[in-house]
Protein backbone atom coordinates (compact mmCIF):
# COMPACT_ATOMS: atom_id res chain seq x y z
CA MET A 1 70.02 45.44 -3.09
CA VAL A 2 69.98 41.80 -1.99
CA TYR A 3 69.94 41.30 1.77
CA LYS A 4 72.19 38.70 3.35
CA PRO A 5 70.37 36.33 5.72
CA TYR A 6 71.45 36.58 9.32
CA GLY A 7 73.97 33.87 10.10
CA LEU A 8 75.33 33.56 6.57
CA ASP A 9 79.01 34.37 6.06
CA LEU A 10 80.11 34.72 2.46
CA ASN A 11 83.57 33.69 1.32
CA LEU A 12 85.91 36.19 -0.32
CA GLY A 13 84.66 36.86 -3.85
CA GLU A 14 81.38 35.01 -3.30
CA LYS A 15 78.24 36.74 -4.59
CA ILE A 16 74.58 36.04 -3.93
CA LEU A 17 72.83 35.16 -7.22
CA TRP A 18 69.37 34.34 -5.84
CA ILE A 19 67.70 34.44 -2.47
CA GLY A 20 64.22 33.22 -1.67
CA LYS A 21 61.77 32.00 0.91
CA ARG A 22 59.07 29.40 1.07
CA SER A 23 55.86 30.64 -0.52
CA LEU A 24 53.09 31.48 1.94
CA LYS A 25 50.77 29.59 -0.41
CA SER A 26 52.58 26.37 0.48
CA LEU A 27 51.44 26.84 4.10
CA TRP A 28 47.78 26.90 3.05
CA LEU A 29 46.68 24.09 5.37
CA LEU A 30 47.86 25.86 8.52
CA PHE A 31 46.09 29.05 7.44
CA VAL A 32 42.84 27.19 6.67
CA ILE A 33 42.90 25.41 10.03
CA GLY A 34 43.69 28.72 11.71
CA PHE A 35 40.78 30.57 10.13
CA VAL A 36 38.35 27.70 10.80
CA LEU A 37 39.33 27.55 14.48
CA MET A 38 39.43 31.33 14.97
CA PRO A 39 35.86 31.55 16.35
CA LEU A 40 36.77 28.91 18.96
CA TYR A 41 38.25 31.33 21.53
CA GLY A 42 40.92 32.45 19.08
CA MET A 43 42.58 29.01 18.93
CA GLY A 44 43.18 29.49 15.22
CA ALA A 45 45.69 32.25 15.95
CA ILE A 46 48.14 29.56 17.10
CA PHE A 47 48.11 27.92 13.66
CA ILE A 48 48.40 31.23 11.82
CA ILE A 49 51.33 32.37 13.97
CA TYR A 50 53.01 28.98 13.51
CA ALA A 51 52.70 29.29 9.71
CA ILE A 52 54.25 32.75 9.79
CA VAL A 53 57.12 31.54 11.99
CA ILE A 54 57.83 28.67 9.57
CA TRP A 55 57.89 31.18 6.73
CA LEU A 56 60.17 33.65 8.53
CA ARG A 57 62.79 31.23 9.83
CA THR A 58 64.11 29.74 6.56
CA ASP A 59 65.98 31.37 3.67
CA TYR A 60 67.20 29.67 0.49
CA VAL A 61 70.37 31.10 -1.06
CA LEU A 62 72.25 30.42 -4.30
CA THR A 63 75.69 31.97 -4.64
CA ASN A 64 78.31 31.64 -7.33
CA GLU A 65 80.07 29.01 -5.14
CA ARG A 66 77.47 27.36 -2.89
CA ILE A 67 73.86 26.28 -2.43
CA LEU A 68 72.58 27.10 1.06
CA LYS A 69 69.53 26.66 3.25
CA VAL A 70 69.68 28.90 6.32
CA ARG A 71 67.31 27.95 9.15
CA ARG A 72 67.09 30.09 12.29
CA HIS A 73 65.85 28.90 15.70
CA TYR A 74 64.06 31.38 17.95
CA ALA A 75 62.77 31.47 21.52
CA PHE A 76 59.95 33.97 21.35
CA VAL A 77 61.66 36.85 19.52
CA TYR A 78 65.27 36.03 20.47
CA LEU A 79 67.54 34.23 18.03
CA LEU A 80 69.03 31.20 19.74
CA SER A 81 70.96 29.59 16.91
CA TYR A 82 70.95 28.88 13.21
CA ASP A 83 71.70 25.87 11.00
CA ILE A 84 73.16 26.12 7.54
CA GLU A 85 72.79 23.25 5.08
CA GLU A 86 75.42 23.79 2.43
CA MET A 87 76.55 22.20 -0.81
CA ARG A 88 79.30 23.32 -3.17
CA ARG A 89 78.02 23.99 -6.67
CA GLU A 90 80.69 21.86 -8.31
CA ASP A 91 79.51 18.87 -6.21
CA LEU A 92 75.96 19.11 -7.59
CA GLU A 93 74.87 15.80 -9.14
CA SER A 94 71.15 16.22 -9.79
CA MET A 95 68.28 18.59 -9.28
CA TYR A 96 64.60 18.23 -9.93
CA ALA A 97 61.32 19.88 -9.01
CA ILE A 98 58.33 18.02 -7.64
CA GLN A 99 54.80 19.27 -7.24
CA ASN A 100 51.91 17.79 -5.28
CA SER A 101 48.24 18.27 -6.12
CA MET A 102 47.79 21.44 -4.05
CA GLY A 103 51.06 22.70 -5.47
CA ARG A 104 49.52 22.46 -8.93
CA VAL A 105 46.48 24.45 -7.81
CA LEU A 106 48.44 27.10 -5.88
CA ASP A 107 51.55 27.09 -8.11
CA TYR A 108 54.40 26.13 -5.79
CA TRP A 109 57.10 23.47 -6.08
CA ASP A 110 59.68 21.64 -3.98
CA VAL A 111 63.13 21.79 -5.59
CA VAL A 112 65.41 18.89 -4.61
CA ILE A 113 69.16 19.37 -5.04
CA GLU A 114 71.31 16.27 -4.55
CA ASN A 115 74.81 14.92 -4.38
CA SER A 116 75.65 12.51 -1.54
CA GLU A 117 73.46 14.84 0.54
CA ARG A 118 70.09 16.38 -0.22
CA ILE A 119 68.85 19.97 0.14
CA VAL A 120 65.15 20.62 -0.41
CA PHE A 121 63.84 24.11 -1.15
CA LYS A 122 60.23 23.62 -0.03
CA GLY A 123 57.34 25.57 -1.49
CA VAL A 124 59.18 27.84 -3.96
CA THR A 125 57.29 29.54 -6.77
CA GLU A 126 60.10 29.86 -9.31
CA PRO A 127 61.80 26.48 -9.85
CA GLU A 128 62.87 27.30 -13.40
CA ILE A 129 64.90 30.30 -12.23
CA ILE A 130 66.65 28.12 -9.64
CA LYS A 131 67.42 25.44 -12.23
CA LYS A 132 68.71 28.03 -14.71
CA ILE A 133 71.05 29.59 -12.13
CA LEU A 134 72.40 26.17 -11.11
CA ARG A 135 73.00 25.11 -14.73
CA ASP A 136 75.04 28.24 -15.53
């Protein structure tokens, strides 16, 4: 069963085809800094918690009608609000995947989806699946 991200309302007849999150591997720098600073009075915990919060707050969703990026904003553990970046699939003009040097080593990509606007799925591990779903 595919869960529906909190804050996302589907239209009548709309189905979720793919849902994903940013790969934890793409947050490697925050984890490295966190573990290096951990002996310094636990200061590294701040970086590690920040990396986990970044990972938890964003969902990427492909439906049969739309492309969505759902970002939630929290104050401690309470949800304050959420933003939804949305693009209709028929308005899609181009999509491509880019990979930096650490992305090559750790196997994650940024998928850029464009029309007059731009939605970036940062740090995903399966760009070919996303491209295949969007082409169909």
